[in-house]
Protein backbone atom coordinates (compact mmCIF):
# COMPACT_ATOMS: atom_id res chain seq x y z
CA MET A 1 -201.39 71.00 -92.11
CA TYR A 2 -198.68 71.10 -89.42
CA GLN A 3 -199.76 71.35 -85.80
CA TYR A 4 -197.51 72.40 -82.93
CA LEU A 5 -197.77 69.72 -80.20
CA LEU A 6 -198.84 70.87 -76.75
CA SER A 7 -198.61 69.04 -73.45
CA VAL A 8 -201.71 69.69 -71.32
CA GLY A 9 -201.93 68.68 -67.66
CA ILE A 10 -205.41 67.28 -67.07
CA MET A 11 -205.54 65.93 -63.52
CA SER A 12 -203.27 65.02 -60.60
CA GLU A 13 -204.31 62.34 -58.09
CA PRO A 14 -202.70 59.54 -56.04
CA THR A 15 -204.53 57.05 -58.28
CA ILE A 16 -206.01 57.43 -61.78
CA ARG A 17 -208.46 55.26 -63.68
CA PHE A 18 -208.55 55.56 -67.46
CA THR A 19 -209.84 53.66 -70.48
CA LEU A 20 -208.05 53.39 -73.84
CA HIS A 21 -210.52 53.22 -76.75
CA GLY A 22 -208.62 51.70 -79.65
CA ARG A 23 -205.05 50.46 -79.77
CA TYR A 24 -202.25 52.45 -78.13
CA LEU A 25 -198.53 51.79 -78.24
CA LEU A 26 -196.42 51.62 -75.09
CA THR A 27 -192.74 50.87 -75.76
CA GLY A 28 -193.65 48.75 -78.77
CA LYS A 29 -196.56 46.89 -77.14
CA LEU A 30 -200.26 47.34 -78.00
CA VAL A 31 -202.52 48.30 -75.08
CA SER A 32 -206.27 48.97 -74.88
CA GLY A 33 -209.18 48.84 -72.44
CA SER A 34 -209.58 49.79 -68.77
CA GLN A 35 -206.43 50.73 -66.83
CA PHE A 36 -205.43 51.73 -63.31
CA VAL A 37 -202.24 53.45 -62.08
CA GLU A 38 -201.08 54.65 -58.69
CA ALA A 39 -198.18 56.64 -57.30
CA HIS A 40 -195.75 54.52 -55.28
CA LEU A 41 -192.32 55.47 -53.96
CA GLY A 42 -191.87 58.21 -56.56
CA HIS A 43 -192.87 55.96 -59.47
CA VAL A 44 -195.93 55.10 -61.53
CA ARG A 45 -197.17 51.62 -60.63
CA TRP A 46 -199.06 49.90 -63.44
CA ARG A 47 -199.92 46.21 -63.68
CA GLY A 48 -197.63 45.46 -60.76
CA GLU A 49 -194.56 47.08 -62.36
CA MET A 50 -192.82 50.39 -61.51
CA TYR A 51 -192.10 53.06 -64.15
CA GLN A 52 -190.52 56.52 -64.23
CA GLN A 53 -193.35 57.50 -66.57
CA LEU A 54 -195.77 55.91 -69.02
CA GLU A 55 -196.67 57.26 -72.45
CA PHE A 56 -199.48 55.74 -74.49
CA VAL A 57 -199.30 56.71 -78.17
CA PRO A 58 -202.40 56.28 -80.39
CA THR A 59 -201.96 54.04 -83.45
CA ASP A 60 -204.44 56.06 -85.55
CA ASP A 61 -206.67 59.16 -85.42
CA SER A 62 -209.73 57.18 -84.29
CA CYS A 63 -208.15 56.39 -80.90
CA THR A 64 -209.45 58.19 -77.81
CA PHE A 65 -209.04 57.73 -74.08
CA THR A 66 -211.28 58.49 -71.10
CA LEU A 67 -209.98 59.87 -67.80
CA HIS A 68 -212.41 59.08 -64.99
CA ASP A 69 -213.37 61.45 -62.16
CA VAL A 70 -211.61 64.58 -63.44
CA THR A 71 -212.16 67.59 -61.16
CA ILE A 72 -213.17 70.75 -63.04
CA GLY A 73 -213.62 74.30 -61.75
CA VAL A 74 -211.07 73.72 -58.98
CA GLY A 75 -211.76 76.15 -56.13
CA PHE A 76 -214.67 77.85 -57.92
CA HIS A 77 -218.39 77.61 -57.14
CA TRP A 78 -219.01 75.19 -60.04
CA GLU A 79 -216.38 72.64 -58.92
CA ARG A 80 -217.38 69.03 -59.72
CA ARG A 81 -216.07 65.72 -61.07
CA GLU A 82 -216.76 64.19 -64.46
CA ASP A 83 -215.41 61.66 -66.95
CA GLN A 84 -213.64 63.28 -69.90
CA VAL A 85 -212.65 61.92 -73.31
CA PHE A 86 -209.50 63.01 -75.19
CA ARG A 87 -207.74 62.55 -78.50
CA GLY A 88 -203.96 62.35 -78.82
CA GLY A 89 -201.43 60.73 -76.51
CA LEU A 90 -201.50 60.14 -72.77
CA ARG A 91 -198.41 60.64 -70.60
CA LEU A 92 -198.45 59.67 -66.91
CA ILE A 93 -195.81 61.15 -64.63
CA VAL A 94 -195.25 61.45 -60.89
CA GLU A 95 -195.16 64.95 -59.42
CA GLN A 96 -194.09 65.41 -55.83
CA THR A 97 -196.39 67.58 -53.77
CA THR A 98 -194.71 70.61 -52.21
CA ILE A 99 -195.69 73.07 -49.51
CA ALA A 100 -193.79 76.36 -49.35
CA GLY A 101 -191.33 74.90 -51.84
CA LEU A 102 -190.50 71.87 -49.68
CA PRO A 103 -191.44 68.29 -50.65
CA VAL A 104 -193.99 66.43 -48.54
CA LYS A 105 -194.39 62.69 -48.19
CA HIS A 106 -197.07 61.83 -50.76
CA ASP A 107 -196.85 61.91 -54.57
CA ASN A 108 -199.51 62.36 -57.20
CA ILE A 109 -199.74 60.96 -60.70
CA THR A 110 -200.36 63.66 -63.29
CA ALA A 111 -202.14 62.78 -66.53
CA VAL A 112 -200.82 64.82 -69.47
CA ASN A 113 -202.49 64.92 -72.89
CA ILE A 114 -200.14 65.32 -75.87
CA VAL A 115 -202.25 67.02 -78.53
CA GLY A 116 -201.88 69.25 -81.61
CA ILE A 117 -202.58 72.91 -80.89
CA GLU A 118 -205.45 73.22 -83.39
CA ASP A 119 -207.11 70.10 -81.93
CA TYR A 120 -206.52 71.60 -78.48
CA LEU A 121 -208.26 74.80 -79.57
CA THR A 122 -211.27 72.85 -80.82
CA SER A 123 -211.75 71.60 -77.28
CA VAL A 124 -210.97 74.93 -75.58
CA ILE A 125 -213.61 76.76 -77.56
CA SER A 126 -216.21 74.09 -76.79
CA SER A 127 -215.15 73.98 -73.12
CA GLU A 128 -215.06 77.74 -72.62
CA MET A 129 -218.28 78.34 -74.57
CA SER A 130 -220.98 76.48 -76.43
CA ALA A 131 -219.77 74.95 -79.69
CA THR A 132 -222.98 76.22 -81.32
CA SER A 133 -221.94 79.87 -80.97
CA SER A 134 -221.92 82.13 -84.02
CA MET A 135 -219.06 81.60 -86.46
CA GLU A 136 -217.51 85.06 -85.97
CA LEU A 137 -217.43 84.58 -82.21
CA LEU A 138 -215.81 81.16 -82.61
CA LYS A 139 -213.18 82.65 -84.93
CA ALA A 140 -212.43 85.49 -82.51
CA HIS A 141 -212.06 83.04 -79.64
CA ALA A 142 -209.86 80.73 -81.72
CA VAL A 143 -207.39 83.53 -82.43
CA THR A 144 -207.47 84.74 -78.82
CA SER A 145 -206.90 81.27 -77.35
CA ARG A 146 -204.20 80.41 -79.90
CA SER A 147 -202.36 83.64 -79.11
CA TRP A 148 -202.67 83.06 -75.38
CA VAL A 149 -201.19 79.57 -75.46
CA LEU A 150 -198.41 80.39 -77.93
CA SER A 151 -197.27 83.64 -76.32
CA PRO A 152 -195.04 82.18 -73.54
CA ILE A 153 -193.86 79.35 -75.82
CA MET A 154 -192.73 81.73 -78.56
CA ARG A 155 -191.12 84.05 -76.00
CA LYS A 156 -189.58 81.02 -74.23
CA VAL A 157 -191.07 82.21 -70.94
CA ARG A 158 -191.37 79.62 -68.18
CA ASN A 159 -192.05 80.70 -64.62
CA THR A 160 -191.32 78.11 -61.94
CA GLU A 161 -193.46 79.62 -59.20
CA LYS A 162 -197.25 79.77 -59.24
CA MET A 163 -197.63 82.72 -56.88
CA HIS A 164 -195.75 85.98 -57.36
CA GLY A 165 -195.63 89.28 -55.52
CA ILE A 166 -195.18 90.51 -51.97
CA ASN A 167 -196.31 88.44 -49.01
CA THR A 168 -194.67 89.84 -45.89
CA GLY A 169 -195.99 91.27 -42.66
CA ASN A 170 -199.23 93.17 -43.17
CA ARG A 171 -198.93 93.40 -46.97
CA ARG A 172 -200.03 90.59 -49.31
CA ILE A 173 -199.98 91.73 -52.96
CA VAL A 174 -199.87 88.53 -54.99
CA TRP A 175 -200.95 87.16 -58.34
CA TYR A 176 -201.07 83.73 -59.88
CA GLU A 177 -199.33 83.06 -63.18
CA ARG A 178 -200.77 80.79 -65.84
CA ASP A 179 -197.35 79.59 -67.10
CA SER A 180 -196.18 78.10 -63.81
CA HIS A 181 -196.17 74.42 -64.74
CA ASN A 182 -192.88 72.55 -64.79
CA HIS A 183 -193.85 69.37 -66.62
CA PHE A 184 -196.37 70.53 -69.22
CA ASP A 185 -197.25 73.66 -71.21
CA VAL A 186 -200.69 74.43 -69.78
CA CYS A 187 -203.22 72.94 -67.40
CA ALA A 188 -206.80 72.06 -68.32
CA ASP A 189 -208.72 74.13 -65.78
CA ASP A 190 -209.73 77.78 -65.42
CA HIS A 191 -206.24 78.60 -64.08
CA CYS A 192 -205.16 78.39 -67.75
CA GLN A 193 -207.88 77.70 -70.34
CA ARG A 194 -210.75 75.29 -69.86
CA TYR A 195 -209.82 72.16 -71.79
CA GLN A 196 -212.10 69.17 -71.47
CA GLY A 197 -211.00 67.07 -74.43
CA ILE A 198 -213.79 66.12 -76.82
CA THR A 199 -216.31 65.71 -74.00
CA ARG A 200 -218.34 68.72 -75.20
CA VAL A 201 -217.15 68.88 -78.79
CA SER A 202 -218.87 66.11 -80.69
CA ALA A 203 -222.34 67.67 -81.02
CA ALA A 204 -221.06 70.67 -82.99
CA GLU A 205 -217.47 69.74 -83.84
CA GLU A 206 -217.87 70.61 -87.52
CA ASN A 207 -218.83 74.20 -86.68
CA VAL A 208 -215.87 74.61 -84.33
CA ARG A 209 -213.43 73.04 -86.79
CA LYS A 210 -214.59 75.41 -89.50
CA ALA A 211 -213.66 78.32 -87.23
CA ILE A 212 -210.28 76.74 -86.48
CA GLU A 213 -209.56 76.09 -90.16
CA ALA A 214 -210.68 79.59 -91.17
CA THR A 215 -208.12 81.10 -88.76
CA TRP A 216 -205.50 78.32 -88.93
CA GLY A 217 -202.23 79.59 -87.46
CA GLU A 218 -203.56 83.14 -87.03
CA VAL A 219 -202.40 85.02 -83.94
CA LEU A 220 -202.55 88.51 -82.45
CA CYS A 221 -199.19 90.29 -82.39
CA ASP A 222 -197.95 93.46 -80.74
CA ARG A 223 -196.13 96.32 -82.47
CA ASN A 224 -192.83 94.43 -82.13
CA GLY A 225 -194.21 91.37 -83.88
CA ASP A 226 -194.36 89.25 -80.69
CA VAL A 227 -197.43 87.10 -80.04
CA CYS A 228 -199.83 88.89 -77.70
CA ASP A 229 -200.56 87.58 -74.23
CA ALA A 230 -204.26 87.62 -75.12
CA ARG A 231 -206.45 87.10 -72.07
CA PHE A 232 -210.21 86.49 -71.85
CA TYR A 233 -212.98 86.02 -69.27
CA LYS A 234 -216.78 85.92 -69.09
CA CYS A 235 -218.04 89.51 -68.60
CA CYS A 236 -216.23 92.82 -68.11
CA GLY A 237 -219.21 94.60 -66.54
CA GLY A 238 -218.99 97.55 -68.94
CA ARG A 239 -215.27 98.31 -69.18
CA THR A 240 -212.16 96.17 -69.54
CA GLU A 241 -209.21 96.24 -67.13
CA LEU A 242 -205.44 96.76 -67.47
CA PHE A 243 -203.13 93.73 -67.39
CA GLU A 244 -200.92 95.18 -64.65
CA ASN A 245 -203.84 95.39 -62.22
CA ALA A 246 -204.36 91.63 -62.38
CA TRP A 247 -200.85 90.24 -62.89
CA ALA A 248 -197.25 91.52 -63.10
CA ASP A 249 -196.58 95.27 -63.23
CA THR A 250 -196.18 95.22 -67.01
CA HIS A 251 -198.19 97.42 -69.34
CA TYR A 252 -199.19 96.00 -72.73
CA HIS A 253 -200.30 98.54 -75.30
CA TYR A 254 -202.85 96.08 -76.75
CA LEU A 255 -204.51 95.60 -73.33
CA GLU A 256 -205.71 99.13 -72.70
CA SER A 257 -208.95 99.62 -70.81
CA VAL A 258 -211.81 100.01 -73.31
CA GLU A 259 -215.48 100.80 -72.89
CA ASP A 260 -217.43 97.75 -73.98
CA ALA A 261 -219.97 99.63 -76.09
CA PRO A 262 -220.45 100.79 -79.70
CA SER A 263 -219.65 104.35 -78.57
CA ALA A 264 -219.29 106.31 -75.35
CA GLY A 265 -222.40 106.40 -73.21
CA GLU A 266 -224.20 103.56 -74.97
CA ARG A 267 -225.27 100.33 -73.31
CA ALA A 268 -222.44 97.84 -72.89
CA PHE A 269 -222.31 94.89 -75.25
CA CYS A 270 -222.07 92.47 -72.32
CA ASP A 271 -225.11 93.96 -70.57
CA THR A 272 -227.56 91.36 -71.86
CA GLN A 273 -230.00 88.80 -70.51
CA ASP A 274 -230.76 87.38 -73.96
CA LYS A 275 -230.93 83.65 -73.18
CA ARG A 276 -230.28 82.68 -76.80
CA ILE A 277 -227.00 84.64 -76.87
CA LEU A 278 -225.98 83.51 -73.39
CA ALA A 279 -226.58 79.90 -74.36
CA GLN A 280 -223.94 80.34 -77.07
CA VAL A 281 -221.34 81.53 -74.57
CA LEU A 282 -222.16 79.68 -71.35
CA ASN A 283 -222.14 75.93 -70.88
CA GLY A 284 -224.79 74.35 -68.69
CA TYR A 285 -222.97 74.74 -65.38
CA ASP A 286 -222.01 78.34 -66.26
CA ARG A 287 -225.70 79.19 -66.72
CA GLU A 288 -226.17 78.35 -63.05
CA THR A 289 -224.75 81.88 -62.63
CA ALA A 290 -227.51 84.30 -63.68
CA ASP A 291 -226.31 87.53 -62.07
CA PHE A 292 -223.03 88.17 -63.83
CA TYR A 293 -223.34 91.76 -65.16
CA THR A 294 -224.44 93.09 -61.76
CA TRP A 295 -224.43 90.97 -58.63
CA GLN A 296 -224.68 91.17 -54.87
CA VAL A 297 -223.13 89.14 -52.05
CA GLN A 298 -224.04 89.58 -48.40
CA TYR A 299 -222.19 88.35 -45.30
CA SER A 300 -222.69 88.62 -41.59
CA VAL A 301 -219.65 89.88 -39.68
CA GLU A 302 -219.17 86.43 -38.17
CA GLU A 303 -219.35 84.64 -41.54
CA LEU A 304 -216.89 87.00 -43.26
CA SER A 305 -214.47 86.84 -40.33
CA GLU A 306 -214.51 83.05 -40.54
CA ILE A 307 -213.97 83.05 -44.33
CA VAL A 308 -210.99 85.40 -44.06
CA ARG A 309 -209.45 83.33 -41.26
CA ASP A 310 -209.84 80.14 -43.29
CA LYS A 311 -208.45 81.63 -46.51
CA LEU A 312 -205.45 83.46 -45.02
CA GLY A 313 -204.72 81.20 -42.04
CA LEU A 314 -204.63 84.30 -39.85
CA ASP A 315 -207.03 85.38 -37.11
CA PHE A 316 -208.11 88.96 -37.78
CA GLY A 317 -210.57 88.76 -34.91
CA THR A 318 -213.76 90.48 -36.01
CA ILE A 319 -213.68 92.13 -39.43
CA VAL A 320 -214.60 95.77 -38.83
CA ASP A 321 -213.87 97.41 -42.18
CA ILE A 322 -212.98 96.77 -45.84
CA ARG A 323 -211.27 99.74 -47.49
CA PRO A 324 -210.67 99.79 -51.26
CA LEU A 325 -207.32 101.53 -51.75
CA ARG A 326 -206.69 101.24 -55.51
CA ARG A 327 -209.10 100.63 -58.34
CA GLY A 328 -208.42 100.14 -62.03
CA PRO A 329 -210.34 101.92 -64.79
CA SER A 330 -212.97 99.15 -64.84
CA GLY A 331 -213.66 99.71 -61.14
CA ARG A 332 -211.89 96.50 -60.15
CA ILE A 333 -210.10 96.78 -56.82
CA TYR A 334 -206.49 95.65 -56.98
CA GLU A 335 -205.47 96.80 -53.49
CA MET A 336 -207.67 96.85 -50.41
CA GLU A 337 -207.16 97.07 -46.68
CA LEU A 338 -208.83 94.41 -44.58
CA VAL A 339 -209.26 95.72 -41.03
CA GLY A 340 -209.91 93.37 -38.11
CA SER A 341 -210.14 93.86 -34.37
CA LEU A 342 -206.80 92.03 -33.95
CA CYS A 343 -204.85 93.03 -37.05
CA SER A 344 -205.04 94.62 -40.49
CA MET A 345 -203.60 93.68 -43.88
CA ILE A 346 -203.34 95.21 -47.34
CA ILE A 347 -204.37 92.63 -49.94
CA GLY A 348 -204.12 92.44 -53.75
CA LYS A 349 -204.25 91.80 -56.64
CA GLU A 350 -207.72 91.24 -58.00
CA LEU A 351 -207.86 87.43 -57.86
CA GLU A 352 -206.49 87.34 -54.32
CA ILE A 353 -209.17 89.81 -53.25
CA ARG A 354 -211.83 87.63 -54.87
CA ARG A 355 -210.38 84.54 -53.21
CA VAL A 356 -210.05 85.96 -49.69
CA LEU A 357 -213.60 87.37 -49.56
CA SER A 358 -215.45 84.22 -50.62
CA ARG A 359 -215.77 80.51 -49.89
CA SER A 360 -214.86 79.99 -53.56
CA HIS A 361 -214.25 83.24 -55.50
CA LEU A 362 -216.20 86.46 -55.91
CA TYR A 363 -217.31 86.94 -59.51
CA SER A 364 -214.98 89.93 -59.83
CA SER A 365 -213.24 92.58 -57.73
CA ALA A 366 -215.37 95.39 -59.22
CA PHE A 367 -217.56 95.92 -56.19
CA GLY A 368 -218.57 98.55 -53.69
CA VAL A 369 -218.73 97.81 -49.97
CA GLU A 370 -221.82 98.62 -47.90
CA ARG A 371 -221.52 98.28 -44.12
CA THR A 372 -224.78 97.19 -42.50
CA ALA A 373 -225.79 96.77 -38.88
CA THR A 374 -224.96 93.06 -39.01
CA GLY A 375 -222.36 92.69 -41.73
CA PHE A 376 -221.27 93.65 -45.24
CA VAL A 377 -222.92 93.79 -48.65
CA PHE A 378 -220.81 93.75 -51.84
CA HIS A 379 -222.47 95.35 -54.87
CA GLY A 380 -220.51 94.12 -57.88
CA ARG A 381 -220.22 94.08 -61.67
CA GLY A 382 -218.71 91.62 -64.11
CA TRP A 383 -217.45 88.05 -64.02
CA GLY A 384 -213.70 87.48 -64.20
CA HIS A 385 -210.54 89.56 -64.25
CA GLY A 386 -211.72 91.86 -67.05
CA VAL A 387 -208.47 91.87 -69.08
CA GLY A 388 -208.76 91.38 -72.85
CA LEU A 389 -211.68 89.71 -74.60
CA CYS A 390 -215.07 89.82 -72.89
CA GLN A 391 -216.75 86.58 -74.02
CA ILE A 392 -220.33 87.74 -73.51
CA GLY A 393 -219.59 91.13 -75.07
CA ALA A 394 -217.96 89.40 -78.05
CA ALA A 395 -221.01 87.15 -78.42
CA VAL A 396 -223.30 90.18 -78.59
CA MET A 397 -221.00 91.88 -81.12
CA ALA A 398 -221.08 88.78 -83.34
CA GLU A 399 -224.87 88.68 -83.07
CA ARG A 400 -225.01 92.31 -84.25
CA GLY A 401 -222.98 91.55 -87.36
CA TYR A 402 -219.40 92.42 -86.35
CA ASP A 403 -216.83 90.13 -87.97
CA TYR A 404 -214.14 88.43 -85.89
CA ARG A 405 -211.44 90.96 -86.82
CA SER A 406 -213.62 93.85 -85.61
CA ILE A 407 -214.31 91.97 -82.39
CA LEU A 408 -210.61 91.32 -81.78
CA PHE A 409 -209.57 94.89 -82.55
CA HIS A 410 -212.27 96.23 -80.23
CA TYR A 411 -210.74 94.39 -77.27
CA PHE A 412 -207.06 94.36 -78.31
CA LYS A 413 -206.32 97.93 -79.40
CA GLY A 414 -203.21 98.39 -81.53
CA ALA A 415 -202.68 94.67 -82.14
CA THR A 416 -202.20 93.11 -85.57
CA LEU A 417 -203.27 89.74 -86.96
CA LYS A 418 -200.56 87.54 -88.42
CA THR A 419 -200.72 84.10 -89.96
CA ASN A 420 -197.89 81.63 -89.39
CA LEU A 421 -196.00 84.37 -87.56
CA GLY A 422 -195.13 86.52 -90.53
CA ALA A 423 -196.85 85.04 -93.57
CA GLY A 424 -199.35 87.86 -93.55
CA GLU A 425 -200.95 90.42 -91.27
CA THR A 426 -203.97 92.61 -90.78
CA SER A 427 -204.01 95.59 -88.46
CA ASN A 428 -206.77 97.69 -86.93
């Protein structure tokens, strides 16, 4: 079956170590074994020679390659390095580092995996969740992830800037786009979709591949027949959020705010501490986070003032107040006023709020602010932006017998399912 080829940016460093398992072709020559490349004068230096780029093409399906010391969870509390194994081709390019749009002196080599979309999805599902999850959950995630990655490609959307919005004076309303890469389709970290090759796939690959094959080519589409920009995250905290409160001021009819429950007033699907269900959704390092449905973070005034100064590069003096100005239907703040003894600033949207008020990121922006004698306490709900599919809620729905179509139509109201972009469709 045909697979659309994706280019996935895995890592970007001044030097990269990698190992080719099997025989790879490079401009007609066979290469295998341990390799080392470094950025030098705007080129890739390999084995003493300079190249504009290198592309290693596998000679058969058994070939894999290992990238060593890949950083995952960049900027989040689970950030760490690990070796990762991939199928497909490996492209090495030089990307010049920029600050404020201007080039700086050093370059990085970026490792790009060239891989078929269905093989890519096999990894995404295993990287985002456990590969041993229930089949209906795996199917729902396969369709969601496939729709997400194909949406900008099919619409031929390519943003060239990572950060968008207003950042002038005392107003900073910004958001970070997922389709902001110039030299590849998507990146491998949480900024796009977690993609960690076959590092976490092998133990239950057959189960994941069955879900991929059962939904092969199937995508969510809007009422105009365009592929949905289907987003997902860990836990909504009881209600999902609107797209426009997290990203651009665009309303999508299939991303309405929905109560994450069988019916109004009932307990939310994602309100669970069932370790067996959570083990399906959360990988080992994700289970280090136990308080995801409701959570609490406490800061002294001095600590929060220091965090804000470090994150924004601006001295607010002493933080004296945090004022939520606008909340979405899920309770997530998408505009707040940060008041200091020296200056004040209005900040949004939700990810920027989470970034500015934490050493890494707050779990979500759905929190209330309690002022204490010595500092601030945030009482929060949910984990992630809250737009689209709630992974933990979907896992509970699958456990209760909902099929993948029912799960998708619960979170994406008014969407339809189409195979091969027009070969067939199912609507809710």
